[in-house]
């Protein structure tokens, strides 16, 4: 009877271990997918910001031009 109980205990242990392993793999896969989605969104944001920055004129050399550019920038982006 002891061997039977011992074998059953091992079976339960490995069965639970297998279930836990599958659950952890699933959670890891889900987190990876979530991370990939965030990374894709961030990449899109950066590409859009680069396009916007490319449209801006070069920074002026005199104070009045810089002030005007700053005001234009604040109106455009904030």
N, C-alpha and C. Protein backbone atom coordinates (compact mmCIF):
# COMPACT_ATOMS: atom_id res chain seq x y z
N UNK A 1 0.82 -1.19 0.00
CA UNK A 1 0.00 0.00 0.00
C UNK A 1 0.87 1.26 0.00
N UNK A 2 1.97 1.19 0.68
CA UNK A 2 2.87 2.33 0.76
C UNK A 2 3.45 2.69 -0.60
N UNK A 3 3.82 1.67 -1.39
CA UNK A 3 4.35 1.93 -2.73
C UNK A 3 3.31 2.57 -3.63
N UNK A 4 2.07 2.14 -3.47
CA UNK A 4 0.99 2.70 -4.27
C UNK A 4 0.78 4.17 -3.94
N UNK A 5 0.75 4.49 -2.67
CA UNK A 5 0.60 5.88 -2.25
C UNK A 5 1.79 6.72 -2.71
N UNK A 6 2.97 6.16 -2.58
CA UNK A 6 4.17 6.87 -2.98
C UNK A 6 4.17 7.14 -4.48
N UNK A 7 3.77 6.15 -5.28
CA UNK A 7 3.69 6.34 -6.73
C UNK A 7 2.65 7.37 -7.11
N UNK A 8 1.52 7.33 -6.43
CA UNK A 8 0.46 8.30 -6.69
C UNK A 8 0.91 9.71 -6.32
N UNK A 9 1.65 9.82 -5.22
CA UNK A 9 2.17 11.13 -4.80
C UNK A 9 3.10 11.70 -5.84
N UNK A 10 3.98 10.85 -6.38
CA UNK A 10 4.89 11.31 -7.44
C UNK A 10 4.10 11.74 -8.68
N UNK A 11 3.08 10.96 -9.01
CA UNK A 11 2.25 11.31 -10.15
C UNK A 11 1.60 12.68 -9.96
N UNK A 12 1.03 12.90 -8.77
CA UNK A 12 0.42 14.20 -8.48
C UNK A 12 1.44 15.32 -8.55
N UNK A 13 2.61 15.08 -7.99
CA UNK A 13 3.66 16.09 -7.97
C UNK A 13 4.04 16.48 -9.41
N UNK A 14 4.32 15.49 -10.26
CA UNK A 14 4.73 15.78 -11.63
C UNK A 14 3.59 16.35 -12.46
N UNK A 15 2.39 15.93 -12.14
CA UNK A 15 1.23 16.48 -12.83
C UNK A 15 1.07 17.96 -12.51
N UNK A 16 1.18 18.30 -11.24
CA UNK A 16 1.08 19.71 -10.83
C UNK A 16 2.25 20.52 -11.35
N UNK A 17 3.42 19.92 -11.37
CA UNK A 17 4.60 20.59 -11.90
C UNK A 17 4.42 20.90 -13.38
N UNK A 18 3.86 19.95 -14.11
CA UNK A 18 3.59 20.16 -15.54
C UNK A 18 2.57 21.26 -15.76
N UNK A 19 1.53 21.28 -14.95
CA UNK A 19 0.51 22.33 -15.05
C UNK A 19 1.11 23.70 -14.75
N UNK A 20 1.93 23.76 -13.71
CA UNK A 20 2.56 25.03 -13.34
C UNK A 20 3.49 25.50 -14.45
N UNK A 21 4.22 24.57 -15.04
CA UNK A 21 5.13 24.92 -16.13
C UNK A 21 4.35 25.48 -17.33
N UNK A 22 3.25 24.85 -17.68
CA UNK A 22 2.43 25.33 -18.79
C UNK A 22 1.85 26.71 -18.49
N UNK A 23 1.40 26.90 -17.26
CA UNK A 23 0.84 28.20 -16.86
C UNK A 23 1.91 29.29 -16.95
N UNK A 24 3.11 29.01 -16.47
CA UNK A 24 4.19 29.99 -16.53
C UNK A 24 4.58 30.30 -17.97
N UNK A 25 4.61 29.29 -18.83
CA UNK A 25 4.92 29.51 -20.23
C UNK A 25 3.86 30.39 -20.89
N UNK A 26 2.60 30.13 -20.57
CA UNK A 26 1.49 30.92 -21.12
C UNK A 26 1.59 32.37 -20.65
N UNK A 27 1.88 32.57 -19.35
CA UNK A 27 2.01 33.93 -18.81
C UNK A 27 3.19 34.65 -19.47
N UNK A 28 4.29 33.94 -19.64
CA UNK A 28 5.47 34.54 -20.28
C UNK A 28 5.15 34.92 -21.73
N UNK A 29 4.43 34.06 -22.45
CA UNK A 29 4.04 34.35 -23.83
C UNK A 29 3.13 35.58 -23.89
N UNK A 30 2.18 35.66 -22.94
CA UNK A 30 1.27 36.80 -22.90
C UNK A 30 2.02 38.10 -22.62
N UNK A 31 2.96 38.04 -21.69
CA UNK A 31 3.74 39.25 -21.37
C UNK A 31 4.60 39.68 -22.55
N UNK A 32 5.16 38.71 -23.26
CA UNK A 32 5.96 39.02 -24.44
C UNK A 32 5.09 39.69 -25.50
N UNK A 33 3.90 39.16 -25.70
CA UNK A 33 2.98 39.75 -26.69
C UNK A 33 2.63 41.18 -26.29
N UNK A 34 2.35 41.40 -25.02
CA UNK A 34 2.03 42.74 -24.53
C UNK A 34 3.21 43.68 -24.74
N UNK A 35 4.41 43.21 -24.46
CA UNK A 35 5.62 44.02 -24.65
C UNK A 35 5.80 44.37 -26.13
N UNK A 36 5.57 43.41 -27.02
CA UNK A 36 5.70 43.66 -28.45
C UNK A 36 4.69 44.70 -28.93
N UNK A 37 3.48 44.66 -28.39
CA UNK A 37 2.47 45.66 -28.76
C UNK A 37 2.89 47.05 -28.29
N UNK A 38 3.40 47.15 -27.07
CA UNK A 38 3.87 48.44 -26.56
C UNK A 38 5.04 48.96 -27.38
N UNK A 39 5.94 48.07 -27.73
CA UNK A 39 7.10 48.46 -28.53
C UNK A 39 6.67 48.96 -29.90
N UNK A 40 5.70 48.31 -30.48
CA UNK A 40 5.18 48.73 -31.78
C UNK A 40 4.53 50.12 -31.68
N UNK A 41 3.76 50.35 -30.62
CA UNK A 41 3.14 51.66 -30.42
C UNK A 41 4.19 52.74 -30.23
N UNK A 42 5.21 52.44 -29.47
CA UNK A 42 6.28 53.41 -29.23
C UNK A 42 7.03 53.71 -30.53
N UNK A 43 7.27 52.68 -31.34
CA UNK A 43 7.94 52.87 -32.62
C UNK A 43 7.11 53.78 -33.52
N UNK A 44 5.80 53.58 -33.55
CA UNK A 44 4.92 54.44 -34.34
C UNK A 44 4.98 55.88 -33.85
N UNK A 45 4.97 56.05 -32.53
CA UNK A 45 5.06 57.39 -31.95
C UNK A 45 6.36 58.07 -32.37
N UNK A 46 7.47 57.36 -32.28
CA UNK A 46 8.76 57.94 -32.65
C UNK A 46 8.83 58.30 -34.13
N UNK A 47 8.29 57.45 -34.97
CA UNK A 47 8.29 57.76 -36.41
C UNK A 47 7.47 59.02 -36.71
N UNK A 48 6.34 59.15 -36.05
CA UNK A 48 5.51 60.34 -36.24
C UNK A 48 6.24 61.58 -35.73
N UNK A 49 6.89 61.47 -34.58
CA UNK A 49 7.64 62.60 -34.02
C UNK A 49 8.79 63.00 -34.94
N UNK A 50 9.46 62.02 -35.54
CA UNK A 50 10.54 62.32 -36.49
C UNK A 50 10.01 63.07 -37.71
N UNK A 51 8.86 62.64 -38.22
CA UNK A 51 8.27 63.35 -39.37
C UNK A 51 7.94 64.79 -39.01
N UNK A 52 7.37 64.98 -37.82
CA UNK A 52 7.04 66.33 -37.37
C UNK A 52 8.30 67.18 -37.20
N UNK A 53 9.35 66.60 -36.62
CA UNK A 53 10.60 67.34 -36.42
C UNK A 53 11.24 67.70 -37.77
N UNK A 54 11.10 66.82 -38.75
CA UNK A 54 11.66 67.11 -40.08
C UNK A 54 10.96 68.29 -40.74
N UNK A 55 9.72 68.53 -40.39
CA UNK A 55 8.96 69.64 -40.99
C UNK A 55 9.31 70.99 -40.37
N UNK A 56 9.93 70.98 -39.21
CA UNK A 56 10.27 72.24 -38.55
C UNK A 56 11.44 72.91 -39.25
N UNK A 57 11.42 74.25 -39.22
CA UNK A 57 12.53 74.99 -39.81
C UNK A 57 13.72 74.96 -38.86
N UNK A 58 14.92 75.20 -39.37
CA UNK A 58 16.10 75.23 -38.49
C UNK A 58 15.96 76.31 -37.43
N UNK A 59 16.60 76.12 -36.30
CA UNK A 59 16.54 77.10 -35.21
C UNK A 59 17.21 78.39 -35.65
N UNK A 60 16.53 79.50 -35.39
CA UNK A 60 17.04 80.82 -35.78
C UNK A 60 18.28 81.21 -34.99
N UNK A 61 18.95 82.23 -35.50
CA UNK A 61 20.17 82.69 -34.83
C UNK A 61 19.94 83.97 -34.02
N UNK A 62 18.85 84.68 -34.30
CA UNK A 62 18.58 85.90 -33.53
C UNK A 62 17.43 85.64 -32.54
N UNK A 63 17.40 86.45 -31.50
CA UNK A 63 16.47 86.24 -30.39
C UNK A 63 15.01 86.29 -30.83
N UNK A 64 14.65 87.24 -31.68
CA UNK A 64 13.25 87.38 -32.11
C UNK A 64 12.79 86.14 -32.89
N UNK A 65 13.63 85.63 -33.75
CA UNK A 65 13.28 84.43 -34.52
C UNK A 65 13.10 83.23 -33.60
N UNK A 66 13.99 83.10 -32.62
CA UNK A 66 13.90 81.98 -31.67
C UNK A 66 12.62 82.09 -30.84
N UNK A 67 12.27 83.30 -30.41
CA UNK A 67 11.03 83.49 -29.63
C UNK A 67 9.82 83.10 -30.47
N UNK A 68 9.78 83.54 -31.74
CA UNK A 68 8.67 83.21 -32.62
C UNK A 68 8.60 81.70 -32.84
N UNK A 69 9.74 81.07 -33.07
CA UNK A 69 9.76 79.63 -33.27
C UNK A 69 9.29 78.89 -32.02
N UNK A 70 9.66 79.38 -30.87
CA UNK A 70 9.22 78.76 -29.61
C UNK A 70 7.71 78.86 -29.47
N UNK A 71 7.16 80.03 -29.78
CA UNK A 71 5.70 80.19 -29.70
C UNK A 71 5.00 79.27 -30.70
N UNK A 72 5.53 79.19 -31.91
CA UNK A 72 4.95 78.30 -32.92
C UNK A 72 5.00 76.85 -32.45
N UNK A 73 6.11 76.48 -31.85
CA UNK A 73 6.27 75.12 -31.36
C UNK A 73 5.26 74.81 -30.27
N UNK A 74 5.09 75.75 -29.31
CA UNK A 74 4.15 75.52 -28.21
C UNK A 74 2.73 75.40 -28.71
N UNK A 75 2.36 76.23 -29.68
CA UNK A 75 1.01 76.16 -30.25
C UNK A 75 0.81 74.84 -31.00
N UNK A 76 1.82 74.43 -31.69
CA UNK A 76 1.73 73.23 -32.53
C UNK A 76 1.68 71.94 -31.71
N UNK A 77 2.46 71.86 -30.65
CA UNK A 77 2.63 70.59 -29.93
C UNK A 77 1.99 70.54 -28.55
N UNK A 78 1.55 71.66 -28.02
CA UNK A 78 0.98 71.60 -26.65
C UNK A 78 -0.40 72.14 -26.58
